[in-house]
Amino acid sequence: MNIADEYVCNRKEDNMEFNYSYRLIKSDYRGTPVYGIEIERKDYIGIKNINIERDKVTMISFEKYKAEDILKKLYQNQLSPIHLVDIIGCYADEFSYEADYRNYSEKIN
């Protein structure tokens, strides 16, 4: 898995700071590049890191631009990693159908 792109933002509430990283990740599926998303949030009080939340969905699309579009929306809305799967689970399901279709097409040809 490689990081293909990354967006970073910070948010402050009271005495806490939340640092978000939104990453477009690239991996390999049966010799074909596939793109996914990882979100990480680090919580700080002062300079002390008190919590880290991270989640990822490694296979969202064979098309980089599709995964990038989703990543940008998540970044713009500062989605927490806790809710990643809830929000993009349907895209992972679509990828599964697309991958099955490609595998089926390869077997026929």
N, C-alpha and C. Protein backbone atom coordinates (compact mmCIF):
# COMPACT_ATOMS: atom_id res chain seq x y z
N MET A 1 0.84 -1.17 0.00
CA MET A 1 0.00 0.00 0.00
C MET A 1 0.89 1.24 0.00
N ASN A 2 0.58 2.18 -0.88
CA ASN A 2 1.30 3.44 -0.97
C ASN A 2 0.32 4.60 -0.79
N ILE A 3 0.84 5.71 -0.28
CA ILE A 3 0.03 6.92 -0.19
C ILE A 3 0.16 7.67 -1.50
N ALA A 4 -0.96 7.83 -2.21
CA ALA A 4 -0.96 8.51 -3.50
C ALA A 4 -1.22 10.01 -3.35
N ASP A 5 -1.93 10.40 -2.29
CA ASP A 5 -2.24 11.82 -2.05
C ASP A 5 -2.66 11.96 -0.59
N GLU A 6 -2.55 13.17 -0.07
CA GLU A 6 -2.93 13.39 1.33
C GLU A 6 -3.39 14.82 1.53
N TYR A 7 -4.46 14.96 2.31
CA TYR A 7 -4.97 16.27 2.73
C TYR A 7 -4.91 16.30 4.26
N VAL A 8 -4.52 17.44 4.81
CA VAL A 8 -4.38 17.57 6.26
C VAL A 8 -5.14 18.81 6.72
N CYS A 9 -5.83 18.71 7.85
CA CYS A 9 -6.48 19.88 8.45
C CYS A 9 -6.47 19.75 9.96
N ASN A 10 -6.62 20.87 10.62
CA ASN A 10 -6.64 20.93 12.09
C ASN A 10 -7.90 21.63 12.55
N ARG A 11 -8.39 21.20 13.70
CA ARG A 11 -9.56 21.84 14.30
C ARG A 11 -9.32 21.96 15.80
N LYS A 12 -9.70 23.07 16.37
CA LYS A 12 -9.52 23.28 17.81
C LYS A 12 -10.87 23.46 18.47
N GLU A 13 -11.02 22.84 19.63
CA GLU A 13 -12.21 22.99 20.47
C GLU A 13 -11.73 23.07 21.91
N ASP A 14 -12.05 24.16 22.57
CA ASP A 14 -11.61 24.39 23.95
C ASP A 14 -10.09 24.23 24.04
N ASN A 15 -9.62 23.30 24.88
CA ASN A 15 -8.18 23.10 25.02
C ASN A 15 -7.65 21.92 24.20
N MET A 16 -8.47 21.40 23.31
CA MET A 16 -8.06 20.24 22.49
C MET A 16 -7.85 20.65 21.05
N GLU A 17 -6.90 19.96 20.42
CA GLU A 17 -6.65 20.14 18.99
C GLU A 17 -6.78 18.78 18.31
N PHE A 18 -7.46 18.77 17.18
CA PHE A 18 -7.67 17.55 16.41
C PHE A 18 -6.97 17.71 15.06
N ASN A 19 -6.03 16.82 14.78
CA ASN A 19 -5.30 16.85 13.50
C ASN A 19 -5.80 15.69 12.65
N TYR A 20 -6.35 16.04 11.49
CA TYR A 20 -6.90 15.04 10.58
C TYR A 20 -5.97 14.85 9.38
N SER A 21 -5.81 13.60 8.96
CA SER A 21 -5.10 13.27 7.72
C SER A 21 -6.03 12.41 6.88
N TYR A 22 -6.25 12.84 5.65
CA TYR A 22 -7.10 12.12 4.69
C TYR A 22 -6.19 11.64 3.58
N ARG A 23 -6.05 10.32 3.42
CA ARG A 23 -5.09 9.77 2.47
C ARG A 23 -5.76 8.95 1.38
N LEU A 24 -5.31 9.20 0.17
CA LEU A 24 -5.66 8.34 -0.96
C LEU A 24 -4.59 7.27 -0.99
N ILE A 25 -4.99 6.02 -0.86
CA ILE A 25 -4.02 4.93 -0.83
C ILE A 25 -4.15 4.08 -2.08
N LYS A 26 -3.02 3.59 -2.53
CA LYS A 26 -2.96 2.80 -3.75
C LYS A 26 -2.38 1.43 -3.40
N SER A 27 -3.06 0.40 -3.87
CA SER A 27 -2.57 -0.96 -3.69
C SER A 27 -2.81 -1.74 -4.97
N ASP A 28 -2.61 -3.03 -4.90
CA ASP A 28 -2.69 -3.87 -6.08
C ASP A 28 -3.76 -4.95 -5.87
N TYR A 29 -4.60 -5.13 -6.88
CA TYR A 29 -5.60 -6.19 -6.85
C TYR A 29 -5.46 -7.00 -8.13
N ARG A 30 -4.90 -8.19 -8.00
CA ARG A 30 -4.69 -9.09 -9.14
C ARG A 30 -3.95 -8.40 -10.29
N GLY A 31 -2.90 -7.66 -9.93
CA GLY A 31 -2.07 -7.01 -10.94
C GLY A 31 -2.59 -5.68 -11.44
N THR A 32 -3.70 -5.21 -10.90
CA THR A 32 -4.30 -3.94 -11.33
C THR A 32 -4.28 -2.96 -10.16
N PRO A 33 -3.90 -1.70 -10.40
CA PRO A 33 -3.93 -0.71 -9.32
C PRO A 33 -5.36 -0.48 -8.84
N VAL A 34 -5.50 -0.36 -7.54
CA VAL A 34 -6.80 -0.09 -6.93
C VAL A 34 -6.59 1.00 -5.87
N TYR A 35 -7.61 1.83 -5.68
CA TYR A 35 -7.48 2.99 -4.79
C TYR A 35 -8.46 2.89 -3.63
N GLY A 36 -8.00 3.34 -2.49
CA GLY A 36 -8.82 3.36 -1.29
C GLY A 36 -8.57 4.63 -0.50
N ILE A 37 -9.13 4.68 0.70
CA ILE A 37 -9.03 5.88 1.53
C ILE A 37 -8.71 5.48 2.97
N GLU A 38 -7.82 6.25 3.56
CA GLU A 38 -7.50 6.11 4.98
C GLU A 38 -7.69 7.47 5.65
N ILE A 39 -8.32 7.47 6.81
CA ILE A 39 -8.48 8.70 7.60
C ILE A 39 -7.87 8.46 8.97
N GLU A 40 -7.10 9.44 9.41
CA GLU A 40 -6.49 9.36 10.74
C GLU A 40 -6.77 10.67 11.48
N ARG A 41 -7.10 10.54 12.76
CA ARG A 41 -7.29 11.72 13.60
C ARG A 41 -6.43 11.56 14.85
N LYS A 42 -5.61 12.58 15.12
CA LYS A 42 -4.81 12.60 16.35
C LYS A 42 -5.33 13.71 17.23
N ASP A 43 -5.58 13.38 18.49
CA ASP A 43 -6.11 14.34 19.45
C ASP A 43 -5.00 14.78 20.40
N TYR A 44 -4.90 16.08 20.59
CA TYR A 44 -3.86 16.64 21.46
C TYR A 44 -4.46 17.56 22.51
N ILE A 45 -3.86 17.54 23.69
CA ILE A 45 -4.04 18.58 24.69
C ILE A 45 -2.66 19.18 24.86
N GLY A 46 -2.52 20.43 24.45
CA GLY A 46 -1.19 21.04 24.40
C GLY A 46 -0.35 20.31 23.37
N ILE A 47 0.80 19.80 23.79
CA ILE A 47 1.65 19.05 22.86
C ILE A 47 1.55 17.54 23.09
N LYS A 48 0.70 17.13 24.04
CA LYS A 48 0.57 15.71 24.37
C LYS A 48 -0.51 15.05 23.53
N ASN A 49 -0.11 14.00 22.81
CA ASN A 49 -1.05 13.21 22.02
C ASN A 49 -1.80 12.30 22.98
N ILE A 50 -3.12 12.46 23.04
CA ILE A 50 -3.91 11.67 23.99
C ILE A 50 -4.74 10.57 23.34
N ASN A 51 -4.86 10.61 22.00
CA ASN A 51 -5.69 9.61 21.33
C ASN A 51 -5.39 9.61 19.83
N ILE A 52 -5.48 8.43 19.23
CA ILE A 52 -5.37 8.30 17.77
C ILE A 52 -6.51 7.40 17.30
N GLU A 53 -7.23 7.86 16.31
CA GLU A 53 -8.27 7.06 15.65
C GLU A 53 -7.87 6.93 14.19
N ARG A 54 -7.99 5.72 13.63
CA ARG A 54 -7.62 5.52 12.23
C ARG A 54 -8.50 4.41 11.66
N ASP A 55 -8.91 4.61 10.42
CA ASP A 55 -9.64 3.56 9.71
C ASP A 55 -9.37 3.71 8.23
N LYS A 56 -9.54 2.62 7.49
CA LYS A 56 -9.32 2.68 6.04
C LYS A 56 -10.19 1.66 5.33
N VAL A 57 -10.43 1.97 4.08
CA VAL A 57 -11.08 1.05 3.15
C VAL A 57 -10.12 0.96 1.98
N THR A 58 -9.48 -0.18 1.80
CA THR A 58 -8.39 -0.28 0.83
C THR A 58 -8.85 -0.39 -0.62
N MET A 59 -10.07 -0.84 -0.84
CA MET A 59 -10.53 -1.00 -2.21
C MET A 59 -11.85 -0.28 -2.42
N ILE A 60 -11.76 0.89 -3.08
CA ILE A 60 -12.96 1.67 -3.40
C ILE A 60 -13.20 1.71 -4.89
N SER A 61 -12.11 1.84 -5.67
CA SER A 61 -12.28 1.96 -7.11
C SER A 61 -10.99 1.61 -7.85
N PHE A 62 -11.16 1.11 -9.06
CA PHE A 62 -10.02 0.95 -9.96
C PHE A 62 -9.63 2.30 -10.55
N GLU A 63 -10.55 3.24 -10.52
CA GLU A 63 -10.34 4.57 -11.11
C GLU A 63 -9.88 5.55 -10.03
N LYS A 64 -8.69 6.11 -10.23
CA LYS A 64 -8.13 7.04 -9.24
C LYS A 64 -9.03 8.25 -9.02
N TYR A 65 -9.57 8.81 -10.10
CA TYR A 65 -10.37 10.03 -9.97
C TYR A 65 -11.62 9.81 -9.11
N LYS A 66 -12.21 8.61 -9.16
CA LYS A 66 -13.39 8.34 -8.34
C LYS A 66 -13.05 8.37 -6.86
N ALA A 67 -11.96 7.71 -6.51
CA ALA A 67 -11.53 7.69 -5.11
C ALA A 67 -11.11 9.09 -4.66
N GLU A 68 -10.47 9.85 -5.55
CA GLU A 68 -10.07 11.23 -5.22
C GLU A 68 -11.28 12.11 -4.94
N ASP A 69 -12.32 11.97 -5.74
CA ASP A 69 -13.54 12.76 -5.54
C ASP A 69 -14.17 12.48 -4.17
N ILE A 70 -14.21 11.22 -3.80
CA ILE A 70 -14.75 10.85 -2.49
C ILE A 70 -13.87 11.40 -1.38
N LEU A 71 -12.56 11.27 -1.55
CA LEU A 71 -11.61 11.76 -0.55
C LEU A 71 -11.78 13.26 -0.31
N LYS A 72 -11.94 14.02 -1.39
CA LYS A 72 -12.10 15.47 -1.26
C LYS A 72 -13.37 15.83 -0.48
N LYS A 73 -14.45 15.08 -0.73
CA LYS A 73 -15.70 15.34 0.00
C LYS A 73 -15.54 15.03 1.49
N LEU A 74 -14.85 13.95 1.79
CA LEU A 74 -14.63 13.59 3.19
C LEU A 74 -13.78 14.65 3.88
N TYR A 75 -12.76 15.13 3.18
CA TYR A 75 -11.88 16.18 3.71
C TYR A 75 -12.66 17.48 3.95
N GLN A 76 -13.45 17.88 2.98
CA GLN A 76 -14.21 19.13 3.10
C GLN A 76 -15.19 19.10 4.27
N ASN A 77 -15.70 17.92 4.58
CA ASN A 77 -16.66 17.78 5.67
C ASN A 77 -16.02 17.32 6.98
N GLN A 78 -14.72 17.20 7.00
CA GLN A 78 -13.95 16.77 8.17
C GLN A 78 -14.56 15.52 8.82
N LEU A 79 -14.77 14.51 8.00
CA LEU A 79 -15.33 13.26 8.50
C LEU A 79 -14.37 12.59 9.46
N SER A 80 -14.89 12.09 10.55
CA SER A 80 -14.10 11.36 11.52
C SER A 80 -13.83 9.95 10.99
N PRO A 81 -12.66 9.38 11.32
CA PRO A 81 -12.39 8.00 10.89
C PRO A 81 -13.40 7.00 11.47
N ILE A 82 -14.01 7.36 12.57
CA ILE A 82 -14.99 6.48 13.21
C ILE A 82 -16.17 6.22 12.27
N HIS A 83 -16.49 7.17 11.40
CA HIS A 83 -17.66 7.05 10.53
C HIS A 83 -17.31 6.69 9.08
N LEU A 84 -16.05 6.43 8.81
CA LEU A 84 -15.62 6.18 7.43
C LEU A 84 -16.42 5.06 6.76
N VAL A 85 -16.47 3.91 7.39
CA VAL A 85 -17.14 2.75 6.78
C VAL A 85 -18.63 3.01 6.59
N ASP A 86 -19.24 3.72 7.54
CA ASP A 86 -20.67 4.05 7.42
C ASP A 86 -20.95 4.88 6.17
N ILE A 87 -20.05 5.81 5.88
CA ILE A 87 -20.26 6.74 4.78
C ILE A 87 -19.86 6.15 3.43
N ILE A 88 -18.75 5.43 3.37
CA ILE A 88 -18.29 4.97 2.05
C ILE A 88 -18.45 3.46 1.85
N GLY A 89 -19.16 2.81 2.74
CA GLY A 89 -19.38 1.38 2.59
C GLY A 89 -20.03 1.01 1.27
N CYS A 90 -20.94 1.86 0.79
CA CYS A 90 -21.63 1.57 -0.48
C CYS A 90 -20.64 1.60 -1.65
N TYR A 91 -19.61 2.46 -1.58
CA TYR A 91 -18.60 2.50 -2.64
C TYR A 91 -17.76 1.23 -2.62
N ALA A 92 -17.47 0.73 -1.44
CA ALA A 92 -16.74 -0.54 -1.32
C ALA A 92 -17.58 -1.68 -1.90
N ASP A 93 -18.89 -1.64 -1.66
CA ASP A 93 -19.78 -2.65 -2.23
C ASP A 93 -19.77 -2.58 -3.76
N GLU A 94 -19.81 -1.36 -4.30
CA GLU A 94 -19.76 -1.20 -5.76
C GLU A 94 -18.45 -1.75 -6.31
N PHE A 95 -17.35 -1.52 -5.60
CA PHE A 95 -16.07 -2.05 -6.04
C PHE A 95 -16.13 -3.57 -6.10
N SER A 96 -16.72 -4.17 -5.09
CA SER A 96 -16.83 -5.63 -5.04
C SER A 96 -17.57 -6.16 -6.26
N TYR A 97 -18.67 -5.50 -6.62
CA TYR A 97 -19.42 -5.91 -7.81
C TYR A 97 -18.58 -5.73 -9.08
N GLU A 98 -17.87 -4.60 -9.15
CA GLU A 98 -17.04 -4.33 -10.32
C GLU A 98 -15.91 -5.35 -10.44
N ALA A 99 -15.30 -5.69 -9.31
CA ALA A 99 -14.22 -6.68 -9.32
C ALA A 99 -14.74 -8.05 -9.74
N ASP A 100 -15.92 -8.42 -9.22
CA ASP A 100 -16.53 -9.70 -9.61
C ASP A 100 -16.82 -9.72 -11.10
N TYR A 101 -17.33 -8.61 -11.63
CA TYR A 101 -17.63 -8.52 -13.06
C TYR A 101 -16.36 -8.67 -13.88
N ARG A 102 -15.29 -8.01 -13.47
CA ARG A 102 -14.01 -8.12 -14.20
C ARG A 102 -13.50 -9.56 -14.18
N ASN A 103 -13.59 -10.20 -13.02
CA ASN A 103 -13.15 -11.59 -12.91
C ASN A 103 -13.99 -12.49 -13.81
N TYR A 104 -15.29 -12.27 -13.83
CA TYR A 104 -16.20 -13.06 -14.66
C TYR A 104 -15.88 -12.84 -16.14
N SER A 105 -15.64 -11.58 -16.53
CA SER A 105 -15.32 -11.26 -17.92
C SER A 105 -14.01 -11.90 -18.36
N GLU A 106 -13.03 -11.94 -17.45
CA GLU A 106 -11.74 -12.56 -17.78
C GLU A 106 -11.91 -14.05 -18.02
N LYS A 107 -12.78 -14.70 -17.25
CA LYS A 107 -12.99 -16.13 -17.40
C LYS A 107 -13.67 -16.46 -18.72
N ILE A 108 -14.58 -15.58 -19.16
CA ILE A 108 -15.29 -15.81 -20.41
C ILE A 108 -14.37 -15.64 -21.61
N ASN A 109 -13.55 -14.59 -21.56
CA ASN A 109 -12.66 -14.29 -22.68
C ASN A 109 -11.48 -15.19 -22.59
